[in-house]
Amino acid sequence: MRRGGGELETEVADRAAPVVLESADKLPDDGTLVVVSHGGTIRTTIGRLLGLEPRTWEALGGLSNCCWSVLGEGARGWRLLEHNAGSLPEPVLGDDD
C-alpha cells in the first residue's frame, strides 16, 4: 500500500537490498558494512535479505532513533542477530545547574 504517495515497501526493498548485497560482496573477509538509513528502509531491507514475505515485514517492528540491527551471513543465508539494539547515552549535565 502506498503511504502518502510514496514508494511501496517492496519498491524500497527492491532498490535498497541490491545495494547492500553489492556492498557486502566487496568486503574483505571479516569486514563490517555499516548501512545508515531511515528505519522503514532498514526494516524492509532486512525483510528482503532474510527472505521473509513482504506481508510479514511489519513483524520486525521499527527502529528507534540511534538504534541498530545486526545481520550476519552464513552458509544458509542471512540471519538477524540483533534488532533495535542500543541505548541512548546518559544525559550530560553541565556545570551551570
C-alpha atoms as a PDB file:
ATOM      1  CA  MET A   1       0.000   0.000   0.000  1.00  0.00           C
ATOM      2  CA  ARG A   2       1.331   3.435  -0.916  1.00  0.00           C
ATOM      3  CA  ARG A   3       1.576   5.740   2.056  1.00  0.00           C
ATOM      4  CA  GLY A   4       1.261   9.411   1.175  1.00  0.00           C
ATOM      5  CA  GLY A   5       2.010   8.749  -2.494  1.00  0.00           C
ATOM      6  CA  GLY A   6       5.466   7.331  -1.735  1.00  0.00           C
ATOM      7  CA  GLU A   7       7.068   4.068  -2.744  1.00  0.00           C
ATOM      8  CA  LEU A   8       5.644   0.704  -1.845  1.00  0.00           C
ATOM      9  CA  GLU A   9       7.645  -1.164   0.785  1.00  0.00           C
ATOM     10  CA  THR A  10       8.545  -3.758  -1.841  1.00  0.00           C
ATOM     11  CA  GLU A  11       9.834  -0.992  -4.128  1.00  0.00           C
ATOM     12  CA  VAL A  12      12.034   0.323  -1.320  1.00  0.00           C
ATOM     13  CA  ALA A  13      13.407  -3.189  -0.732  1.00  0.00           C
ATOM     14  CA  ASP A  14      13.897  -3.699  -4.485  1.00  0.00           C
ATOM     15  CA  ARG A  15      16.050  -0.563  -4.534  1.00  0.00           C
ATOM     16  CA  ALA A  16      17.937  -0.934  -1.232  1.00  0.00           C
ATOM     17  CA  ALA A  17      18.656  -4.674  -0.866  1.00  0.00           C
ATOM     18  CA  PRO A  18      20.790  -4.955  -4.033  1.00  0.00           C
ATOM     19  CA  VAL A  19      22.944  -2.030  -2.873  1.00  0.00           C
ATOM     20  CA  VAL A  20      23.537  -3.748   0.476  1.00  0.00           C
ATOM     21  CA  LEU A  21      24.323  -7.067  -1.200  1.00  0.00           C
ATOM     22  CA  GLU A  22      26.712  -5.461  -3.697  1.00  0.00           C
ATOM     23  CA  SER A  23      28.492  -3.588  -0.905  1.00  0.00           C
ATOM     24  CA  ALA A  24      28.700  -6.719   1.265  1.00  0.00           C
ATOM     25  CA  ASP A  25      30.235  -8.659  -1.630  1.00  0.00           C
ATOM     26  CA  LYS A  26      33.074  -6.109  -1.777  1.00  0.00           C
ATOM     27  CA  LEU A  27      34.008  -6.515   1.896  1.00  0.00           C
ATOM     28  CA  PRO A  28      37.234  -8.229   2.890  1.00  0.00           C
ATOM     29  CA  ASP A  29      36.947 -11.397   4.998  1.00  0.00           C
ATOM     30  CA  ASP A  30      35.647 -10.469   8.459  1.00  0.00           C
ATOM     31  CA  GLY A  31      34.780  -6.989   7.165  1.00  0.00           C
ATOM     32  CA  THR A  32      31.898  -4.931   8.543  1.00  0.00           C
ATOM     33  CA  LEU A  33      29.393  -2.987   6.478  1.00  0.00           C
ATOM     34  CA  VAL A  34      27.513  -0.140   8.134  1.00  0.00           C
ATOM     35  CA  VAL A  35      24.303   0.966   6.438  1.00  0.00           C
ATOM     36  CA  VAL A  36      22.633   4.155   7.609  1.00  0.00           C
ATOM     37  CA  SER A  37      19.084   4.912   6.525  1.00  0.00           C
ATOM     38  CA  HIS A  38      15.557   5.538   7.676  1.00  0.00           C
ATOM     39  CA  GLY A  39      14.009   2.861   9.888  1.00  0.00           C
ATOM     40  CA  GLY A  40      11.439   1.830   7.284  1.00  0.00           C
ATOM     41  CA  THR A  41      14.122   1.295   4.677  1.00  0.00           C
ATOM     42  CA  ILE A  42      16.190  -0.737   7.115  1.00  0.00           C
ATOM     43  CA  ARG A  43      13.152  -2.864   8.089  1.00  0.00           C
ATOM     44  CA  THR A  44      12.152  -3.629   4.505  1.00  0.00           C
ATOM     45  CA  THR A  45      15.751  -4.367   3.502  1.00  0.00           C
ATOM     46  CA  ILE A  46      16.167  -6.740   6.439  1.00  0.00           C
ATOM     47  CA  GLY A  47      12.916  -8.468   5.477  1.00  0.00           C
ATOM     48  CA  ARG A  48      14.117  -8.891   1.906  1.00  0.00           C
ATOM     49  CA  LEU A  49      17.580 -10.153   2.936  1.00  0.00           C
ATOM     50  CA  LEU A  50      16.021 -12.678   5.306  1.00  0.00           C
ATOM     51  CA  GLY A  51      13.690 -13.903   2.557  1.00  0.00           C
ATOM     52  CA  LEU A  52      10.552 -13.019   4.505  1.00  0.00           C
ATOM     53  CA  GLU A  53       7.256 -12.445   2.740  1.00  0.00           C
ATOM     54  CA  PRO A  54       6.559  -8.685   2.442  1.00  0.00           C
ATOM     55  CA  ARG A  55       3.303  -9.066   4.390  1.00  0.00           C
ATOM     56  CA  THR A  56       5.361 -10.182   7.417  1.00  0.00           C
ATOM     57  CA  TRP A  57       7.915  -7.328   7.416  1.00  0.00           C
ATOM     58  CA  GLU A  58       5.835  -5.346   9.925  1.00  0.00           C
ATOM     59  CA  ALA A  59       6.550  -8.094  12.479  1.00  0.00           C
ATOM     60  CA  LEU A  60      10.163  -6.885  12.631  1.00  0.00           C
ATOM     61  CA  GLY A  61       8.988  -3.620  14.128  1.00  0.00           C
ATOM     62  CA  GLY A  62      10.601  -0.267  13.541  1.00  0.00           C
ATOM     63  CA  LEU A  63      13.932   1.041  14.675  1.00  0.00           C
ATOM     64  CA  SER A  64      14.121   3.611  17.429  1.00  0.00           C
ATOM     65  CA  ASN A  65      16.336   6.624  16.874  1.00  0.00           C
ATOM     66  CA  CYS A  66      20.042   5.897  17.324  1.00  0.00           C
ATOM     67  CA  CYS A  67      19.490   2.124  17.388  1.00  0.00           C
ATOM     68  CA  TRP A  68      20.730  -0.556  15.053  1.00  0.00           C
ATOM     69  CA  SER A  69      20.276  -4.051  13.753  1.00  0.00           C
ATOM     70  CA  VAL A  70      22.992  -6.616  13.121  1.00  0.00           C
ATOM     71  CA  LEU A  71      22.826  -9.217  10.379  1.00  0.00           C
ATOM     72  CA  GLY A  72      25.294 -11.971   9.682  1.00  0.00           C
ATOM     73  CA  GLU A  73      25.710 -14.051   6.560  1.00  0.00           C
ATOM     74  CA  GLY A  74      26.183 -17.759   6.990  1.00  0.00           C
ATOM     75  CA  ALA A  75      26.125 -20.891   4.892  1.00  0.00           C
ATOM     76  CA  ARG A  76      22.313 -20.830   4.772  1.00  0.00           C
ATOM     77  CA  GLY A  77      21.916 -17.120   4.105  1.00  0.00           C
ATOM     78  CA  TRP A  78      21.354 -14.046   6.236  1.00  0.00           C
ATOM     79  CA  ARG A  79      20.461 -14.185   9.944  1.00  0.00           C
ATOM     80  CA  LEU A  80      19.123 -11.410  12.151  1.00  0.00           C
ATOM     81  CA  LEU A  81      21.475 -11.335  15.152  1.00  0.00           C
ATOM     82  CA  GLU A  82      20.209  -8.160  16.839  1.00  0.00           C
ATOM     83  CA  HIS A  83      17.320  -5.807  16.144  1.00  0.00           C
ATOM     84  CA  ASN A  84      16.545  -2.362  17.554  1.00  0.00           C
ATOM     85  CA  ALA A  85      19.631  -2.697  19.735  1.00  0.00           C
ATOM     86  CA  GLY A  86      21.418   0.046  21.608  1.00  0.00           C
ATOM     87  CA  SER A  87      20.512   2.719  24.029  1.00  0.00           C
ATOM     88  CA  LEU A  88      20.770   6.433  24.143  1.00  0.00           C
ATOM     89  CA  PRO A  89      23.651   7.817  26.214  1.00  0.00           C
ATOM     90  CA  GLU A  90      23.066   9.193  29.679  1.00  0.00           C
ATOM     91  CA  PRO A  91      22.324  12.910  29.619  1.00  0.00           C
ATOM     92  CA  VAL A  92      25.347  15.086  30.164  1.00  0.00           C
ATOM     93  CA  LEU A  93      24.843  17.556  32.984  1.00  0.00           C
ATOM     94  CA  GLY A  94      26.554  20.915  32.639  1.00  0.00           C
ATOM     95  CA  ASP A  95      28.310  22.903  35.362  1.00  0.00           C
ATOM     96  CA  ASP A  96      25.587  25.524  35.306  1.00  0.00           C
ATOM     97  CA  ASP A  97      22.845  23.573  37.117  1.00  0.00           C
END
